């Protein structure tokens, strides 16, 4: 069908494909469709299927030519883009855009040409990914951190009992709540039932901790909240909100004694409280080591991105931003309409503020994958089996299918680990500024670096 095709590379990993279809194909398609119309058309003064072709052309010619044009475009595009030899394959989430569509028309005496523009996978060439010198914060682990973790375990293992007493700091409360509109009517999308949290933790969307203190089970109240402009929950920042709450239950925690019996209740692997403390200390340092590794890799990838020029297609960035948007909606458990009303802006304007980070994430992923390919970083079947353990040969088909998926995921994870170790081994890390354990683990300093 296609007599000629040319590809022209454009900016931002886009391609313009120009296609020419021979006039004989156009004529054949036109005559075939015209014949089909002749059989089916009802023309006044003629029996069905007996109207002359010229009469049909006068009545339907323009529509037939348009139908032929779009049919030829669709089929010729499919022929080209599904050809395994095609060098420029469009991204699966970006449809080719027909150029100058209003000016296109077919002439039965001429070849037909058209152009489409679409995004392709970016060309990635990586050269510099070792030899960086990166300062790493000196993290101070506080002496009382083990005791703090132990206290948290104590609270998690507390005996919880229902009480008729008013809610106070540390109480576990269960309530229904919803936000009210300006007329005092409930906003359906904000309704939550049987929501439970511990007073004083702040683990609730509207941060109602101080407002429910003093309430008993069965009490109802409308709470007026005035959130500052810099409030940490972005959709609430700078807003005045009325929230109706109905307290359904108040519970208290009775904390267990911190002794050997407590340690044994936490896990049979502990005989004494000292065993538990040692294990907590070990896990604290393991978490710190993992966070330091994550930090180092992040800084190395930042340097690699700076050293390379990558033309990102806009559709790829928009896809990343859409994933960010969907994650935000899930995090706050809000519908899109409610989130937009809270933000007071359009989705596009809001996401534009995340574009730079989205581009950074995409570039890091592209470059890391290219390094893995270039350095032939691979994971063997034996390594996957060693990590997951042997497969159950007697498992049913569903379990076997799940196992295949697990192996695929584990291979990706192990490959990423190997690539991480390779990159970290290729750079040097120097002592940076001292930093508290809490700030480092919560990434607060990184937020400050970004704002600067």
Protein backbone atom coordinates (compact mmCIF):
# COMPACT_ATOMS: atom_id res chain seq x y z
CA UNK A 1 0.00 0.00 0.00
CA UNK A 2 2.74 2.47 0.96
CA UNK A 3 4.86 3.65 -1.93
CA UNK A 4 7.09 5.96 0.10
CA UNK A 5 7.73 6.85 3.74
CA UNK A 6 10.16 9.28 5.37
CA UNK A 7 10.95 9.95 9.02
CA UNK A 8 12.13 13.31 10.31
CA UNK A 9 13.41 13.66 13.85
CA UNK A 10 11.97 16.61 15.75
CA UNK A 11 12.72 18.12 19.15
CA UNK A 12 11.82 16.37 22.42
CA UNK A 13 12.00 12.86 20.97
CA UNK A 14 9.21 13.40 18.47
CA UNK A 15 9.14 12.14 14.90
CA UNK A 16 7.31 13.35 11.80
CA UNK A 17 6.34 10.49 9.51
CA UNK A 18 5.36 11.41 5.95
CA UNK A 19 3.59 8.71 3.97
CA UNK A 20 2.74 8.50 0.28
CA UNK A 21 0.14 6.07 -1.06
CA UNK A 22 0.06 5.29 -4.80
CA UNK A 23 -2.89 6.72 -6.76
CA UNK A 24 -3.79 3.23 -8.01
CA UNK A 25 -4.48 2.19 -4.41
CA UNK A 26 -6.59 5.30 -3.88
CA UNK A 27 -8.60 4.63 -7.06
CA UNK A 28 -9.11 1.00 -6.14
CA UNK A 29 -10.28 1.89 -2.64
CA UNK A 30 -12.61 4.56 -4.01
CA UNK A 31 -14.16 2.29 -6.64
CA UNK A 32 -14.65 -0.48 -4.10
CA UNK A 33 -16.41 1.82 -1.65
CA UNK A 34 -18.48 3.43 -4.41
CA UNK A 35 -19.64 -0.03 -5.51
CA UNK A 36 -20.63 -0.81 -1.95
CA UNK A 37 -22.64 2.43 -1.76
CA UNK A 38 -24.30 1.58 -5.08
CA UNK A 39 -25.62 -1.70 -3.69
CA UNK A 40 -26.97 -0.19 -0.47
CA UNK A 41 -27.99 3.39 -1.28
CA UNK A 42 -31.63 4.46 -1.55
CA UNK A 43 -31.85 7.22 -4.19
CA UNK A 44 -35.19 8.78 -4.98
CA UNK A 45 -36.32 7.76 -8.49
CA UNK A 46 -34.17 4.61 -8.58
CA UNK A 47 -34.62 1.14 -7.25
CA UNK A 48 -32.21 0.08 -4.50
CA UNK A 49 -28.83 -0.74 -6.07
CA UNK A 50 -29.82 0.62 -9.51
CA UNK A 51 -28.74 4.26 -9.20
CA UNK A 52 -25.95 5.21 -11.66
CA UNK A 53 -22.48 5.72 -10.22
CA UNK A 54 -22.43 9.36 -11.38
CA UNK A 55 -25.60 10.10 -9.41
CA UNK A 56 -24.08 8.53 -6.31
CA UNK A 57 -20.86 10.50 -6.78
CA UNK A 58 -22.78 13.75 -6.99
CA UNK A 59 -24.65 12.94 -3.78
CA UNK A 60 -22.04 11.09 -1.73
CA UNK A 61 -18.73 11.69 -3.53
CA UNK A 62 -17.27 14.03 -0.92
CA UNK A 63 -18.16 11.67 1.92
CA UNK A 64 -16.82 8.64 0.06
CA UNK A 65 -13.50 10.37 -0.63
CA UNK A 66 -13.21 11.36 3.05
CA UNK A 67 -13.96 7.80 4.13
CA UNK A 68 -11.38 6.46 1.70
CA UNK A 69 -8.81 8.98 2.94
CA UNK A 70 -9.17 8.03 6.62
CA UNK A 71 -9.27 4.31 5.79
CA UNK A 72 -6.05 4.63 3.79
CA UNK A 73 -4.40 6.63 6.57
CA UNK A 74 -5.37 4.08 9.22
CA UNK A 75 -4.29 1.04 7.22
CA UNK A 76 -1.04 2.50 5.94
CA UNK A 77 -0.07 3.70 9.44
CA UNK A 78 -0.76 0.25 10.84
CA UNK A 79 1.35 -1.31 8.09
CA UNK A 80 4.31 0.95 8.88
CA UNK A 81 4.16 1.08 12.68
CA UNK A 82 3.58 -2.65 13.15
CA UNK A 83 6.53 -3.47 10.91
CA UNK A 84 9.30 -4.85 13.14
CA UNK A 85 11.85 -3.11 10.94
CA UNK A 86 10.40 0.33 11.68
CA UNK A 87 13.08 2.36 13.44
CA UNK A 88 10.71 4.85 15.08
CA UNK A 89 8.03 3.14 17.15
CA UNK A 90 5.50 5.41 18.88
CA UNK A 91 5.09 5.28 22.65
CA UNK A 92 2.14 3.03 23.42
CA UNK A 93 0.36 5.80 25.35
CA UNK A 94 0.74 8.46 22.65
CA UNK A 95 -1.35 8.40 19.47
CA UNK A 96 0.10 9.85 16.23
CA UNK A 97 -1.34 13.29 15.47
CA UNK A 98 -2.43 13.93 11.88
CA UNK A 99 -0.93 17.15 10.53
CA UNK A 100 -2.87 19.81 8.58
CA UNK A 101 -5.98 17.63 8.66
CA UNK A 102 -8.27 20.40 7.40
CA UNK A 103 -6.21 20.71 4.21
CA UNK A 104 -6.07 17.00 3.39
CA UNK A 105 -8.13 15.56 0.55
CA UNK A 106 -7.66 12.84 -2.04
CA UNK A 107 -7.38 13.34 -5.77
CA UNK A 108 -8.05 10.18 -7.77
CA UNK A 109 -5.48 11.25 -10.37
CA UNK A 110 -2.63 11.79 -7.88
CA UNK A 111 -0.71 9.96 -5.21
CA UNK A 112 -1.94 10.79 -1.70
CA UNK A 113 0.49 12.07 0.94
CA UNK A 114 -0.02 12.87 4.60
CA UNK A 115 2.08 13.40 7.74
CA UNK A 116 1.72 12.43 11.38
CA UNK A 117 3.76 13.44 14.42
CA UNK A 118 4.26 11.17 17.39
CA UNK A 119 6.52 10.67 20.40
CA UNK A 120 9.14 7.94 20.50
CA UNK A 121 11.34 6.46 23.20
CA UNK A 122 14.19 8.92 23.88
CA UNK A 123 17.65 8.21 22.56
CA UNK A 124 19.85 7.61 25.57
CA UNK A 125 23.63 7.50 25.35
CA UNK A 126 25.46 7.28 28.64
CA UNK A 127 29.15 8.01 29.10
CA UNK A 128 29.84 9.53 32.53
CA UNK A 129 28.55 7.60 35.51
CA UNK A 130 31.59 7.08 37.76
CA UNK A 131 34.20 9.24 39.46
CA UNK A 132 31.90 11.52 41.43
CA UNK A 133 32.85 12.84 44.87
CA UNK A 134 29.79 13.31 47.06
CA UNK A 135 29.56 14.56 50.67
CA UNK A 136 27.28 12.46 52.87
CA UNK A 137 25.76 13.73 56.14
CA UNK A 138 27.26 12.48 59.39
CA UNK A 139 24.15 11.17 61.10
CA UNK A 140 24.05 11.18 64.88
CA UNK A 141 22.01 8.34 66.37
CA UNK A 142 20.64 9.55 69.74
CA UNK A 143 21.34 7.43 72.81
CA UNK A 144 17.67 7.36 73.78
CA UNK A 145 16.41 6.12 70.41
CA UNK A 146 16.26 2.49 71.57
CA UNK A 147 14.17 3.56 74.56
CA UNK A 148 11.87 5.56 72.26
CA UNK A 149 11.38 2.53 69.99
CA UNK A 150 10.78 0.39 73.06
CA UNK A 151 8.09 2.80 74.26
CA UNK A 152 6.43 2.60 70.86
CA UNK A 153 6.40 -1.19 71.08
CA UNK A 154 4.93 -0.89 74.57
CA UNK A 155 2.09 1.25 73.21
CA UNK A 156 1.48 -1.16 70.33
CA UNK A 157 1.09 -4.03 72.81
CA UNK A 158 -1.10 -2.12 75.22
CA UNK A 159 -4.40 -3.58 76.41
CA UNK A 160 -7.19 -1.48 74.87
CA UNK A 161 -10.47 -1.12 76.79
CA UNK A 162 -13.63 0.91 76.19
CA UNK A 163 -14.23 3.79 78.64
CA UNK A 164 -17.07 6.19 79.38
CA UNK A 165 -14.55 8.90 80.21
CA UNK A 166 -14.00 11.91 77.93
CA UNK A 167 -11.31 11.68 75.27
CA UNK A 168 -7.90 12.87 76.35
CA UNK A 169 -4.34 12.83 75.06
CA UNK A 170 -3.52 9.21 74.17
CA UNK A 171 -7.14 8.06 73.92
CA UNK A 172 -8.17 5.93 70.97
CA UNK A 173 -11.28 7.45 69.44
CA UNK A 174 -13.65 6.21 66.74
CA UNK A 175 -15.78 8.77 64.95
CA UNK A 176 -17.74 9.68 61.86
CA UNK A 177 -16.91 12.96 60.18
CA UNK A 178 -17.56 15.02 57.10
CA UNK A 179 -16.74 18.48 55.84
CA UNK A 180 -19.60 20.98 55.50
CA UNK A 181 -20.12 23.40 52.63
CA UNK A 182 -20.90 27.10 53.09
CA UNK A 183 -24.59 26.30 53.57
CA UNK A 184 -23.76 23.82 56.31
CA UNK A 185 -24.58 20.80 54.16
CA UNK A 186 -22.35 17.68 54.18
CA UNK A 187 -19.94 17.22 51.30
CA UNK A 188 -20.60 13.61 50.38
CA UNK A 189 -17.12 12.94 49.02
CA UNK A 190 -15.55 13.85 52.42
CA UNK A 191 -17.66 11.50 54.55
CA UNK A 192 -15.79 8.95 56.64
CA UNK A 193 -17.38 6.44 59.00
CA UNK A 194 -15.81 4.53 61.89
CA UNK A 195 -12.50 6.34 61.50
CA UNK A 196 -10.13 5.50 64.37
CA UNK A 197 -7.01 7.35 65.53
CA UNK A 198 -5.02 8.01 68.67
CA UNK A 199 -5.47 11.52 70.05
CA UNK A 200 -2.19 13.42 69.89
CA UNK A 201 -0.64 11.57 66.94
CA UNK A 202 -2.07 13.86 64.26
CA UNK A 203 -2.87 10.79 62.15
CA UNK A 204 -6.12 12.17 60.77
CA UNK A 205 -6.72 14.33 57.70
CA UNK A 206 -8.22 17.41 59.39
CA UNK A 207 -5.97 17.10 62.49
CA UNK A 208 -8.84 17.07 64.94
CA UNK A 209 -6.81 15.85 67.95
CA UNK A 210 -7.17 18.91 70.18
CA UNK A 211 -10.79 19.41 69.09
CA UNK A 212 -12.06 16.02 70.29
CA UNK A 213 -10.47 16.24 73.74
CA UNK A 214 -13.27 16.39 76.27
CA UNK A 215 -15.85 14.70 74.05
CA UNK A 216 -17.54 11.47 75.13
CA UNK A 217 -19.03 8.65 73.09
CA UNK A 218 -22.31 9.89 71.60
CA UNK A 219 -21.25 13.54 71.45
CA UNK A 220 -21.56 15.48 68.20
CA UNK A 221 -19.91 18.75 67.32
CA UNK A 222 -19.18 21.02 64.35
CA UNK A 223 -15.55 22.07 64.49
CA UNK A 224 -14.26 25.22 62.79
CA UNK A 225 -10.70 24.85 61.54
CA UNK A 226 -8.48 27.64 60.18
CA UNK A 227 -5.37 26.23 58.53
CA UNK A 228 -2.25 28.39 57.95
CA UNK A 229 -0.88 29.03 54.48
CA UNK A 230 2.11 26.77 55.16
CA UNK A 231 0.05 23.88 56.52
CA UNK A 232 1.72 20.54 55.73
CA UNK A 233 -1.43 19.07 54.14
CA UNK A 234 -1.42 21.02 50.89
CA UNK A 235 -5.17 20.76 50.06
CA UNK A 236 -6.00 22.36 53.44
CA UNK A 237 -3.36 25.11 53.44
CA UNK A 238 -4.88 28.59 53.82
CA UNK A 239 -8.46 27.31 54.16
CA UNK A 240 -11.22 27.73 56.72
CA UNK A 241 -13.13 24.49 57.09
CA UNK A 242 -16.17 23.31 59.08
CA UNK A 243 -16.05 19.63 60.03
CA UNK A 244 -18.95 17.80 61.65
CA UNK A 245 -17.87 14.97 63.95
CA UNK A 246 -19.85 12.32 65.80
CA UNK A 247 -17.80 10.50 68.46
CA UNK A 248 -18.78 6.82 68.59
CA UNK A 249 -16.26 5.31 71.02
CA UNK A 250 -13.43 6.24 73.39
CA UNK A 251 -10.85 3.66 74.42
CA UNK A 252 -7.83 3.81 76.69
CA UNK A 253 -4.52 1.98 76.61
CA UNK A 254 -3.17 0.09 79.62
CA UNK A 255 0.56 -0.22 79.02
CA UNK A 256 2.36 -3.48 79.89
CA UNK A 257 5.42 -3.52 82.15
CA UNK A 258 8.76 -3.38 80.37
CA UNK A 259 10.30 -6.63 81.55
CA UNK A 260 11.42 -10.02 80.29
CA UNK A 261 7.81 -11.21 80.00
CA UNK A 262 7.06 -8.26 77.73
CA UNK A 263 10.03 -9.12 75.49
CA UNK A 264 8.84 -12.72 75.20
CA UNK A 265 5.32 -11.53 74.31
CA UNK A 266 6.78 -9.42 71.49
CA UNK A 267 8.56 -12.46 70.01
CA UNK A 268 9.53 -15.95 71.08
CA UNK A 269 13.04 -15.21 69.78
CA UNK A 270 13.66 -12.96 72.81
CA UNK A 271 14.35 -14.37 76.27
CA UNK A 272 15.10 -11.11 78.04
CA UNK A 273 14.37 -7.40 77.70
CA UNK A 274 18.05 -6.87 76.90
CA UNK A 275 17.70 -9.24 73.91
CA UNK A 276 14.88 -7.07 72.61
CA UNK A 277 16.86 -3.87 73.15
CA UNK A 278 19.86 -5.25 71.27
CA UNK A 279 17.68 -6.24 68.34
CA UNK A 280 16.03 -2.80 68.27
CA UNK A 281 19.47 -1.18 68.17
CA UNK A 282 20.51 -3.49 65.33
CA UNK A 283 17.40 -2.62 63.30
CA UNK A 284 17.91 1.11 63.86
CA UNK A 285 21.37 0.90 62.31
CA UNK A 286 20.11 -1.32 59.48
CA UNK A 287 17.44 1.27 58.64
CA UNK A 288 20.07 4.01 58.77
CA UNK A 289 22.39 2.06 56.46
CA UNK A 290 19.54 1.53 53.97
CA UNK A 291 18.65 5.23 54.07
CA UNK A 292 22.32 6.23 53.57
CA UNK A 293 22.50 3.92 50.56
CA UNK A 294 19.34 5.47 49.15
CA UNK A 295 20.76 8.96 49.71
CA UNK A 296 24.07 8.13 48.03
CA UNK A 297 22.35 6.60 45.00
CA UNK A 298 20.09 9.64 44.68
CA UNK A 299 23.07 11.99 44.65
CA UNK A 300 24.97 9.84 42.14
CA UNK A 301 21.96 9.76 39.82
CA UNK A 302 21.60 13.53 40.10
CA UNK A 303 25.20 13.91 38.91
CA UNK A 304 24.66 11.43 36.08
CA UNK A 305 21.57 13.32 34.90
CA UNK A 306 23.51 16.60 34.95
CA UNK A 307 26.19 15.04 32.75
CA UNK A 308 23.79 13.94 30.00
CA UNK A 309 21.37 15.65 27.64
CA UNK A 310 18.12 13.76 27.13
CA UNK A 311 15.21 14.98 25.02
CA UNK A 312 12.10 13.87 26.88
CA UNK A 313 8.84 13.60 24.92
CA UNK A 314 6.03 15.60 26.47
CA UNK A 315 3.71 12.59 26.58
CA UNK A 316 6.19 10.72 28.76
CA UNK A 317 6.34 13.60 31.24
CA UNK A 318 2.55 13.92 31.24
CA UNK A 319 2.22 10.21 31.97
CA UNK A 320 4.54 10.57 34.96
CA UNK A 321 2.56 13.59 36.19
CA UNK A 322 -0.69 11.66 35.85
CA UNK A 323 0.72 8.89 38.02
CA UNK A 324 1.71 11.53 40.59
CA UNK A 325 -1.83 12.93 40.51
CA UNK A 326 -3.46 9.53 40.99
CA UNK A 327 -1.10 8.77 43.89
CA UNK A 328 -2.07 12.06 45.53
CA UNK A 329 -5.77 11.28 45.24
CA UNK A 330 -5.21 7.86 46.79
CA UNK A 331 -3.05 9.29 49.57
CA UNK A 332 -5.73 11.77 50.67
CA UNK A 333 -8.63 9.46 49.69
CA UNK A 334 -10.33 12.24 47.77
CA UNK A 335 -12.16 12.34 44.48
CA UNK A 336 -10.68 14.50 41.75
CA UNK A 337 -13.51 17.06 41.86
CA UNK A 338 -13.09 17.60 45.59
CA UNK A 339 -9.32 17.85 45.35
CA UNK A 340 -9.59 20.49 42.63
CA UNK A 341 -12.11 22.48 44.65
CA UNK A 342 -9.72 22.43 47.59
CA UNK A 343 -6.72 23.42 45.48
CA UNK A 344 -8.64 26.22 43.79
CA UNK A 345 -6.78 25.65 40.54
CA UNK A 346 -6.87 23.40 37.51
CA UNK A 347 -5.26 19.97 37.48
CA UNK A 348 -2.81 21.10 34.79
CA UNK A 349 -1.70 24.18 36.75
CA UNK A 350 -1.23 22.15 39.91
CA UNK A 351 0.81 19.43 38.21
CA UNK A 352 3.04 21.95 36.47
CA UNK A 353 4.71 22.49 39.85
CA UNK A 354 5.79 18.84 39.80
CA UNK A 355 7.11 18.84 36.23
CA UNK A 356 10.78 19.38 37.12
CA UNK A 357 10.78 16.49 39.59
CA UNK A 358 8.91 14.27 37.11
CA UNK A 359 11.51 14.98 34.42
CA UNK A 360 14.31 14.19 36.88
CA UNK A 361 12.72 10.86 37.82
CA UNK A 362 12.27 9.85 34.18
CA UNK A 363 15.84 10.75 33.27
CA UNK A 364 17.20 8.83 36.24
CA UNK A 365 15.24 5.75 35.23
CA UNK A 366 16.27 5.98 31.56
CA UNK A 367 19.94 6.43 32.40
CA UNK A 368 19.97 3.67 35.01
CA UNK A 369 18.39 1.22 32.56
CA UNK A 370 20.96 2.19 29.93
CA UNK A 371 23.83 1.65 32.38
CA UNK A 372 22.43 -1.78 33.26
CA UNK A 373 22.34 -2.63 29.56
CA UNK A 374 25.77 -1.15 28.81
CA UNK A 375 27.50 -2.84 31.75
CA UNK A 376 25.69 -6.14 31.16
CA UNK A 377 24.36 -6.19 34.70
CA UNK A 378 22.32 -9.38 34.88
CA UNK A 379 20.74 -11.67 37.45
CA UNK A 380 20.94 -15.42 36.96
CA UNK A 381 18.11 -17.87 37.49
CA UNK A 382 20.10 -19.36 40.36
CA UNK A 383 20.24 -15.98 42.12
CA UNK A 384 16.49 -15.55 41.79
CA UNK A 385 15.88 -19.07 43.14
CA UNK A 386 18.28 -18.46 46.03
CA UNK A 387 16.41 -15.30 46.96
CA UNK A 388 12.88 -16.70 46.66
CA UNK A 389 13.52 -20.29 47.59
CA UNK A 390 12.59 -23.31 45.46
CA UNK A 391 9.26 -23.35 43.64
CA UNK A 392 6.52 -25.76 44.67
CA UNK A 393 6.30 -28.24 41.81
CA UNK A 394 2.95 -29.55 43.08
CA UNK A 395 1.31 -26.09 43.04
CA UNK A 396 -1.83 -25.45 40.97
CA UNK A 397 -1.84 -23.35 37.79
CA UNK A 398 -2.75 -20.11 39.59
CA UNK A 399 0.07 -20.54 42.11
CA UNK A 400 2.51 -21.30 39.29
CA UNK A 401 1.39 -18.17 37.46
CA UNK A 402 1.90 -16.14 40.64
CA UNK A 403 5.35 -17.66 41.01
CA UNK A 404 6.34 -16.56 37.49
CA UNK A 405 5.28 -13.02 38.35
CA UNK A 406 7.20 -13.13 41.65
CA UNK A 407 10.33 -14.30 39.86
CA UNK A 408 10.04 -11.48 37.34
CA UNK A 409 9.69 -8.90 40.13
CA UNK A 410 12.53 -10.40 42.12
CA UNK A 411 14.80 -10.38 39.07
CA UNK A 412 14.07 -6.67 38.59
CA UNK A 413 14.75 -5.96 42.26
CA UNK A 414 18.03 -7.87 42.29
CA UNK A 415 19.13 -6.20 39.05
CA UNK A 416 18.41 -2.79 40.59
CA UNK A 417 20.44 -3.78 43.68
CA UNK A 418 23.40 -4.85 41.55
CA UNK A 419 23.22 -1.64 39.54
CA UNK A 420 23.09 0.39 42.76
CA UNK A 421 26.16 -1.37 44.16
CA UNK A 422 27.97 -0.85 40.86
CA UNK A 423 27.28 2.89 40.80
CA UNK A 424 28.17 3.42 44.46
CA UNK A 425 31.44 1.53 44.01
CA UNK A 426 32.32 3.89 41.17
CA UNK A 427 32.19 7.09 43.24
CA UNK A 428 33.73 8.35 46.47
CA UNK A 429 31.79 9.63 49.46
CA UNK A 430 33.20 12.17 51.89
CA UNK A 431 32.08 13.32 55.34
CA UNK A 432 29.39 15.95 55.16
CA UNK A 433 27.74 18.06 57.82
CA UNK A 434 26.42 16.55 61.03
CA UNK A 435 22.72 15.85 61.06
CA UNK A 436 20.19 14.43 63.47
CA UNK A 437 18.85 10.94 62.90
CA UNK A 438 15.28 12.22 62.79
CA UNK A 439 15.94 14.89 60.16
CA UNK A 440 17.92 12.50 57.98
CA UNK A 441 15.43 9.65 58.14
CA UNK A 442 12.48 11.99 57.51
CA UNK A 443 14.30 13.67 54.58
CA UNK A 444 13.59 17.15 55.97
CA UNK A 445 16.95 18.53 54.87
CA UNK A 446 16.29 17.36 51.28
CA UNK A 447 13.10 19.43 51.23
CA UNK A 448 15.17 22.44 52.29
CA UNK A 449 17.77 21.72 49.57
CA UNK A 450 14.99 21.59 46.96
CA UNK A 451 13.46 24.89 48.10
CA UNK A 452 16.84 26.57 47.95
